[in-house]
Amino acid sequence: QAASQAAGGVASTITDDHGRPIRLRRMPGHTVVGEMGFYRGVPRTANVIAEGPTVVYRLRQAAFDKMQAEDPGAAAALHKMIIRLLSDRLEFANREISALL
């Protein structure tokens, strides 16, 4: 399930070998989480935890399939938004890696 966060803040975390959460990143409102697992159809690799009151919208696969069938324009706009988001995140990650070298 992909989720769009309308308000609040969330943190993505993974669990270490001892069962403790490790915070990877904090994300403010108006972002998308869970898109990688959603598009790839694989289990998620991180957890997302709300940091205070947060409004989240969830897109289930069935609703997404229905949107693609009934409103291809809306589905194309969603795909374009996700592509832009992933491109921005990749650029950010590349800058972080370059700074470490």
N, C-alpha and C. Protein backbone atom coordinates (compact mmCIF):
# COMPACT_ATOMS: atom_id res chain seq x y z
N GLN A 1 0.84 -1.18 0.00
CA GLN A 1 0.00 0.00 0.00
C GLN A 1 0.88 1.23 0.00
N ALA A 2 0.61 2.12 -0.89
CA ALA A 2 1.29 3.40 -0.88
C ALA A 2 0.44 4.35 -0.05
N ALA A 3 1.08 5.30 0.57
CA ALA A 3 0.35 6.25 1.38
C ALA A 3 0.83 7.66 1.06
N SER A 4 -0.09 8.59 1.06
CA SER A 4 0.24 10.00 0.89
C SER A 4 -0.02 10.69 2.21
N GLN A 5 0.98 11.38 2.70
CA GLN A 5 0.90 12.02 4.00
C GLN A 5 0.49 13.47 3.79
N ALA A 6 -0.71 13.84 4.24
CA ALA A 6 -1.23 15.17 4.02
C ALA A 6 -0.78 16.18 5.07
N ALA A 7 -0.55 15.73 6.28
CA ALA A 7 -0.16 16.65 7.35
C ALA A 7 0.62 15.89 8.40
N GLY A 8 1.41 16.61 9.18
CA GLY A 8 2.16 15.99 10.24
C GLY A 8 3.55 15.62 9.78
N GLY A 9 4.17 14.70 10.49
CA GLY A 9 5.51 14.25 10.15
C GLY A 9 5.64 12.77 10.46
N VAL A 10 6.43 12.08 9.67
CA VAL A 10 6.68 10.66 9.89
C VAL A 10 8.18 10.41 9.82
N ALA A 11 8.58 9.31 10.42
CA ALA A 11 9.98 8.88 10.35
C ALA A 11 10.01 7.48 9.77
N SER A 12 10.95 7.24 8.87
CA SER A 12 11.13 5.88 8.36
C SER A 12 12.22 5.25 9.23
N THR A 13 11.97 4.00 9.61
CA THR A 13 12.90 3.29 10.48
C THR A 13 13.09 1.86 9.97
N ILE A 14 14.21 1.28 10.34
CA ILE A 14 14.44 -0.14 10.15
C ILE A 14 14.77 -0.71 11.52
N THR A 15 14.73 -2.00 11.65
CA THR A 15 15.03 -2.65 12.93
C THR A 15 16.40 -3.28 12.85
N ASP A 16 17.22 -3.02 13.87
CA ASP A 16 18.55 -3.61 13.86
C ASP A 16 18.50 -5.07 14.32
N ASP A 17 19.65 -5.70 14.39
CA ASP A 17 19.72 -7.12 14.75
C ASP A 17 19.24 -7.41 16.17
N HIS A 18 19.16 -6.37 17.00
CA HIS A 18 18.72 -6.54 18.39
C HIS A 18 17.27 -6.11 18.58
N GLY A 19 16.57 -5.83 17.48
CA GLY A 19 15.17 -5.45 17.55
C GLY A 19 14.92 -3.99 17.85
N ARG A 20 15.96 -3.18 17.84
CA ARG A 20 15.82 -1.75 18.11
C ARG A 20 15.59 -0.98 16.81
N PRO A 21 14.70 0.01 16.84
CA PRO A 21 14.47 0.80 15.63
C PRO A 21 15.63 1.77 15.37
N ILE A 22 15.99 1.89 14.11
CA ILE A 22 17.01 2.86 13.69
C ILE A 22 16.30 3.84 12.76
N ARG A 23 16.32 5.10 13.13
CA ARG A 23 15.66 6.12 12.33
C ARG A 23 16.51 6.44 11.11
N LEU A 24 15.91 6.31 9.93
CA LEU A 24 16.62 6.59 8.70
C LEU A 24 16.44 8.02 8.24
N ARG A 25 15.20 8.47 8.34
CA ARG A 25 14.88 9.78 7.78
C ARG A 25 13.57 10.28 8.34
N ARG A 26 13.47 11.58 8.52
CA ARG A 26 12.21 12.21 8.89
C ARG A 26 11.64 12.87 7.65
N MET A 27 10.34 12.72 7.47
CA MET A 27 9.69 13.32 6.30
C MET A 27 8.53 14.19 6.77
N PRO A 28 8.50 15.43 6.33
CA PRO A 28 7.39 16.31 6.70
C PRO A 28 6.15 15.93 5.90
N GLY A 29 5.07 16.64 6.14
CA GLY A 29 3.82 16.38 5.43
C GLY A 29 3.94 16.56 3.93
N HIS A 30 2.92 16.17 3.24
CA HIS A 30 2.82 16.30 1.78
C HIS A 30 3.88 15.48 1.06
N THR A 31 4.01 14.23 1.45
CA THR A 31 4.95 13.33 0.78
C THR A 31 4.28 11.98 0.57
N VAL A 32 4.96 11.10 -0.10
CA VAL A 32 4.47 9.76 -0.38
C VAL A 32 5.43 8.76 0.24
N VAL A 33 4.89 7.74 0.88
CA VAL A 33 5.72 6.66 1.44
C VAL A 33 5.15 5.33 0.98
N GLY A 34 6.00 4.34 0.90
CA GLY A 34 5.55 3.00 0.53
C GLY A 34 5.43 2.75 -0.96
N GLU A 35 5.89 3.70 -1.75
CA GLU A 35 5.72 3.57 -3.21
C GLU A 35 6.58 2.47 -3.81
N MET A 36 7.74 2.19 -3.23
CA MET A 36 8.61 1.17 -3.80
C MET A 36 7.96 -0.21 -3.70
N GLY A 37 7.51 -0.57 -2.53
CA GLY A 37 6.83 -1.85 -2.37
C GLY A 37 5.55 -1.93 -3.16
N PHE A 38 4.84 -0.81 -3.24
CA PHE A 38 3.58 -0.77 -3.98
C PHE A 38 3.81 -1.08 -5.46
N TYR A 39 4.75 -0.39 -6.07
CA TYR A 39 5.00 -0.59 -7.50
C TYR A 39 5.68 -1.92 -7.79
N ARG A 40 6.53 -2.37 -6.89
CA ARG A 40 7.26 -3.61 -7.13
C ARG A 40 6.52 -4.84 -6.65
N GLY A 41 5.48 -4.64 -5.84
CA GLY A 41 4.71 -5.77 -5.32
C GLY A 41 5.50 -6.62 -4.35
N VAL A 42 6.36 -5.98 -3.57
CA VAL A 42 7.19 -6.71 -2.61
C VAL A 42 6.93 -6.15 -1.20
N PRO A 43 7.26 -6.91 -0.18
CA PRO A 43 7.09 -6.42 1.19
C PRO A 43 7.93 -5.17 1.42
N ARG A 44 7.46 -4.35 2.31
CA ARG A 44 8.18 -3.11 2.63
C ARG A 44 9.51 -3.43 3.30
N THR A 45 10.46 -2.53 3.16
CA THR A 45 11.78 -2.72 3.74
C THR A 45 12.00 -1.84 4.96
N ALA A 46 11.08 -0.91 5.23
CA ALA A 46 11.20 -0.02 6.38
C ALA A 46 9.82 0.19 6.99
N ASN A 47 9.82 0.68 8.21
CA ASN A 47 8.59 1.05 8.89
C ASN A 47 8.44 2.56 8.81
N VAL A 48 7.21 3.03 8.90
CA VAL A 48 6.94 4.46 8.93
C VAL A 48 6.14 4.72 10.20
N ILE A 49 6.66 5.63 11.01
CA ILE A 49 6.05 5.93 12.31
C ILE A 49 5.67 7.39 12.35
N ALA A 50 4.41 7.67 12.72
CA ALA A 50 3.94 9.05 12.85
C ALA A 50 4.63 9.71 14.04
N GLU A 51 5.06 10.93 13.83
CA GLU A 51 5.66 11.72 14.90
C GLU A 51 4.68 12.81 15.30
N GLY A 52 3.68 12.42 16.04
CA GLY A 52 2.63 13.36 16.43
C GLY A 52 1.42 13.19 15.53
N PRO A 53 0.42 14.06 15.69
CA PRO A 53 -0.79 13.95 14.87
C PRO A 53 -0.45 14.04 13.38
N THR A 54 -0.94 13.08 12.63
CA THR A 54 -0.63 12.98 11.21
C THR A 54 -1.85 12.53 10.43
N VAL A 55 -2.08 13.13 9.28
CA VAL A 55 -3.16 12.71 8.39
C VAL A 55 -2.53 11.95 7.23
N VAL A 56 -3.00 10.72 6.99
CA VAL A 56 -2.44 9.87 5.95
C VAL A 56 -3.57 9.33 5.08
N TYR A 57 -3.35 9.31 3.79
CA TYR A 57 -4.27 8.69 2.84
C TYR A 57 -3.59 7.46 2.27
N ARG A 58 -4.32 6.36 2.23
CA ARG A 58 -3.76 5.09 1.75
C ARG A 58 -4.37 4.75 0.40
N LEU A 59 -3.55 4.27 -0.51
CA LEU A 59 -4.01 3.82 -1.81
C LEU A 59 -3.83 2.32 -1.88
N ARG A 60 -4.91 1.61 -1.90
CA ARG A 60 -4.85 0.15 -2.01
C ARG A 60 -4.73 -0.23 -3.49
N GLN A 61 -4.16 -1.40 -3.73
CA GLN A 61 -3.94 -1.86 -5.11
C GLN A 61 -5.25 -1.91 -5.90
N ALA A 62 -6.32 -2.38 -5.29
CA ALA A 62 -7.60 -2.48 -6.00
C ALA A 62 -8.10 -1.11 -6.44
N ALA A 63 -7.95 -0.11 -5.57
CA ALA A 63 -8.38 1.25 -5.92
C ALA A 63 -7.50 1.81 -7.04
N PHE A 64 -6.22 1.51 -6.99
CA PHE A 64 -5.30 1.96 -8.03
C PHE A 64 -5.65 1.31 -9.37
N ASP A 65 -5.92 0.02 -9.35
CA ASP A 65 -6.32 -0.67 -10.59
C ASP A 65 -7.60 -0.09 -11.16
N LYS A 66 -8.54 0.23 -10.28
CA LYS A 66 -9.81 0.83 -10.72
C LYS A 66 -9.55 2.21 -11.34
N MET A 67 -8.69 3.00 -10.73
CA MET A 67 -8.37 4.32 -11.28
C MET A 67 -7.75 4.18 -12.66
N GLN A 68 -6.85 3.22 -12.83
CA GLN A 68 -6.22 3.03 -14.15
C GLN A 68 -7.25 2.67 -15.21
N ALA A 69 -8.24 1.85 -14.83
CA ALA A 69 -9.27 1.43 -15.79
C ALA A 69 -10.26 2.54 -16.08
N GLU A 70 -10.67 3.29 -15.05
CA GLU A 70 -11.75 4.26 -15.21
C GLU A 70 -11.28 5.68 -15.50
N ASP A 71 -10.06 6.02 -15.12
CA ASP A 71 -9.56 7.38 -15.34
C ASP A 71 -8.07 7.32 -15.65
N PRO A 72 -7.72 6.88 -16.86
CA PRO A 72 -6.30 6.75 -17.22
C PRO A 72 -5.52 8.04 -17.08
N GLY A 73 -6.17 9.17 -17.27
CA GLY A 73 -5.48 10.46 -17.12
C GLY A 73 -5.04 10.69 -15.69
N ALA A 74 -5.90 10.38 -14.75
CA ALA A 74 -5.54 10.52 -13.33
C ALA A 74 -4.42 9.54 -12.97
N ALA A 75 -4.50 8.32 -13.49
CA ALA A 75 -3.45 7.33 -13.22
C ALA A 75 -2.12 7.80 -13.80
N ALA A 76 -2.14 8.37 -15.00
CA ALA A 76 -0.91 8.88 -15.62
C ALA A 76 -0.33 10.02 -14.79
N ALA A 77 -1.19 10.89 -14.27
CA ALA A 77 -0.72 12.00 -13.43
C ALA A 77 -0.08 11.46 -12.15
N LEU A 78 -0.67 10.42 -11.57
CA LEU A 78 -0.09 9.81 -10.38
C LEU A 78 1.27 9.20 -10.69
N HIS A 79 1.37 8.46 -11.80
CA HIS A 79 2.66 7.88 -12.21
C HIS A 79 3.71 8.98 -12.38
N LYS A 80 3.33 10.06 -13.02
CA LYS A 80 4.26 11.17 -13.25
C LYS A 80 4.73 11.77 -11.93
N MET A 81 3.81 11.93 -10.97
CA MET A 81 4.17 12.47 -9.67
C MET A 81 5.15 11.54 -8.96
N ILE A 82 4.89 10.23 -9.01
CA ILE A 82 5.76 9.26 -8.36
C ILE A 82 7.14 9.25 -9.03
N ILE A 83 7.19 9.32 -10.33
CA ILE A 83 8.47 9.37 -11.05
C ILE A 83 9.27 10.60 -10.62
N ARG A 84 8.61 11.74 -10.53
CA ARG A 84 9.27 12.97 -10.10
C ARG A 84 9.79 12.82 -8.66
N LEU A 85 8.97 12.26 -7.79
CA LEU A 85 9.36 12.04 -6.40
C LEU A 85 10.59 11.12 -6.31
N LEU A 86 10.55 10.00 -7.02
CA LEU A 86 11.67 9.07 -6.98
C LEU A 86 12.93 9.69 -7.57
N SER A 87 12.78 10.49 -8.62
CA SER A 87 13.93 11.17 -9.21
C SER A 87 14.55 12.14 -8.21
N ASP A 88 13.71 12.89 -7.50
CA ASP A 88 14.21 13.83 -6.49
C ASP A 88 14.93 13.08 -5.38
N ARG A 89 14.37 11.96 -4.94
CA ARG A 89 15.00 11.19 -3.87
C ARG A 89 16.33 10.58 -4.32
N LEU A 90 16.39 10.14 -5.57
CA LEU A 90 17.64 9.59 -6.10
C LEU A 90 18.70 10.68 -6.19
N GLU A 91 18.32 11.86 -6.65
CA GLU A 91 19.27 12.97 -6.72
C GLU A 91 19.79 13.32 -5.33
N PHE A 92 18.90 13.36 -4.33
CA PHE A 92 19.29 13.64 -2.96
C PHE A 92 20.27 12.58 -2.45
N ALA A 93 19.97 11.31 -2.70
CA ALA A 93 20.84 10.22 -2.26
C ALA A 93 22.21 10.31 -2.94
N ASN A 94 22.22 10.65 -4.22
CA ASN A 94 23.49 10.79 -4.94
C ASN A 94 24.34 11.92 -4.35
N ARG A 95 23.69 13.04 -3.98
CA ARG A 95 24.42 14.15 -3.36
C ARG A 95 24.99 13.73 -2.01
N GLU A 96 24.22 12.98 -1.24
CA GLU A 96 24.71 12.51 0.06
C GLU A 96 25.91 11.59 -0.11
N ILE A 97 25.83 10.68 -1.08
CA ILE A 97 26.94 9.76 -1.34
C ILE A 97 28.18 10.53 -1.79
N SER A 98 28.00 11.49 -2.67
CA SER A 98 29.13 12.31 -3.14
C SER A 98 29.79 13.05 -1.99
N ALA A 99 29.00 13.51 -1.04
CA ALA A 99 29.57 14.25 0.10
C ALA A 99 30.40 13.34 0.99
N LEU A 100 30.11 12.06 0.98
CA LEU A 100 30.86 11.11 1.82
C LEU A 100 32.18 10.70 1.19
N LEU A 101 32.31 10.90 -0.11
CA LEU A 101 33.54 10.46 -0.81
C LEU A 101 34.65 11.47 -0.72
